[in-house]
Amino acid sequence: MHLEVHAEECTGCRVCENFCSFHHEGAIWPARARITIVALDDDGPFVPAVCRQCDDA
């Protein structure tokens, strides 16, 4: 399963990090998610950064 990310719609809520970590780790563990949200400023804009290191990334 892959999570479809639309960077232009990102609000910085980080739900994608929770979903990803739960899918891959079986627990909500955002530090182990294959996606992380980066804020370019204190109030955004927010940019999803996706890990591409794995074969199934």
C-alpha atoms as a PDB file:
ATOM      1  CA  MET A   1       0.000   0.000   0.000  1.00  0.00           C
ATOM      2  CA  HIS A   2       1.221   3.489  -0.828  1.00  0.00           C
ATOM      3  CA  LEU A   3       0.061   6.815   0.523  1.00  0.00           C
ATOM      4  CA  GLU A   4      -0.720   9.384  -2.151  1.00  0.00           C
ATOM      5  CA  VAL A   5       0.655  12.787  -1.180  1.00  0.00           C
ATOM      6  CA  HIS A   6      -0.464  16.119  -2.614  1.00  0.00           C
ATOM      7  CA  ALA A   7       2.103  18.656  -1.405  1.00  0.00           C
ATOM      8  CA  GLU A   8       0.009  21.629  -2.473  1.00  0.00           C
ATOM      9  CA  GLU A   9      -2.789  20.521  -0.110  1.00  0.00           C
ATOM     10  CA  CYS A  10      -0.559  19.861   2.928  1.00  0.00           C
ATOM     11  CA  THR A  11      -1.705  21.693   6.080  1.00  0.00           C
ATOM     12  CA  GLY A  12       1.001  20.261   8.350  1.00  0.00           C
ATOM     13  CA  CYS A  13      -1.416  18.109  10.380  1.00  0.00           C
ATOM     14  CA  ARG A  14       1.008  15.126  10.303  1.00  0.00           C
ATOM     15  CA  VAL A  15      -1.773  12.523   9.997  1.00  0.00           C
ATOM     16  CA  CYS A  16       0.184  11.008   7.094  1.00  0.00           C
ATOM     17  CA  GLU A  17       3.125  10.346   9.462  1.00  0.00           C
ATOM     18  CA  ASN A  18       0.809   8.488  11.863  1.00  0.00           C
ATOM     19  CA  PHE A  19      -0.821   6.483   9.072  1.00  0.00           C
ATOM     20  CA  CYS A  20       2.540   5.561   7.526  1.00  0.00           C
ATOM     21  CA  SER A  21       4.140   4.501  10.801  1.00  0.00           C
ATOM     22  CA  PHE A  22       1.090   2.444  11.780  1.00  0.00           C
ATOM     23  CA  HIS A  23       1.086   0.721   8.388  1.00  0.00           C
ATOM     24  CA  HIS A  24       4.807  -0.127   8.487  1.00  0.00           C
ATOM     25  CA  GLU A  25       5.441  -0.567  12.233  1.00  0.00           C
ATOM     26  CA  GLY A  26       2.033  -1.648  13.569  1.00  0.00           C
ATOM     27  CA  ALA A  27       2.051   1.294  15.981  1.00  0.00           C
ATOM     28  CA  ILE A  28       1.752   5.049  15.760  1.00  0.00           C
ATOM     29  CA  TRP A  29       5.429   5.977  15.833  1.00  0.00           C
ATOM     30  CA  PRO A  30       6.039   9.061  13.642  1.00  0.00           C
ATOM     31  CA  ALA A  31       9.819   8.864  14.068  1.00  0.00           C
ATOM     32  CA  ARG A  32       9.685   5.587  12.088  1.00  0.00           C
ATOM     33  CA  ALA A  33       7.407   6.902   9.330  1.00  0.00           C
ATOM     34  CA  ARG A  34       8.677   6.948   5.755  1.00  0.00           C
ATOM     35  CA  ILE A  35       7.275  10.462   5.400  1.00  0.00           C
ATOM     36  CA  THR A  36       7.921  13.564   7.457  1.00  0.00           C
ATOM     37  CA  ILE A  37       6.487  17.052   7.288  1.00  0.00           C
ATOM     38  CA  VAL A  38       8.912  19.949   7.073  1.00  0.00           C
ATOM     39  CA  ALA A  39       7.766  23.497   7.856  1.00  0.00           C
ATOM     40  CA  LEU A  40       9.613  26.051   5.775  1.00  0.00           C
ATOM     41  CA  ASP A  41       8.612  28.741   8.296  1.00  0.00           C
ATOM     42  CA  ASP A  42       6.903  28.724  11.713  1.00  0.00           C
ATOM     43  CA  ASP A  43       3.462  28.930  10.071  1.00  0.00           C
ATOM     44  CA  GLY A  44       4.269  26.996   6.907  1.00  0.00           C
ATOM     45  CA  PRO A  45       4.257  26.380   4.092  1.00  0.00           C
ATOM     46  CA  PHE A  46       4.550  22.691   4.864  1.00  0.00           C
ATOM     47  CA  VAL A  47       6.358  20.257   2.606  1.00  0.00           C
ATOM     48  CA  PRO A  48       5.989  16.473   2.818  1.00  0.00           C
ATOM     49  CA  ALA A  49       9.382  14.759   2.493  1.00  0.00           C
ATOM     50  CA  VAL A  50       9.132  11.118   1.434  1.00  0.00           C
ATOM     51  CA  CYS A  51      11.808   8.481   2.074  1.00  0.00           C
ATOM     52  CA  ARG A  52      13.030   6.809  -1.114  1.00  0.00           C
ATOM     53  CA  GLN A  53      15.707   4.540   0.398  1.00  0.00           C
ATOM     54  CA  CYS A  54      13.726   1.284   0.397  1.00  0.00           C
ATOM     55  CA  ASP A  55      12.963  -0.851  -2.648  1.00  0.00           C
ATOM     56  CA  ASP A  56       9.250  -0.535  -1.868  1.00  0.00           C
ATOM     57  CA  ALA A  57       9.315   3.217  -1.149  1.00  0.00           C
END
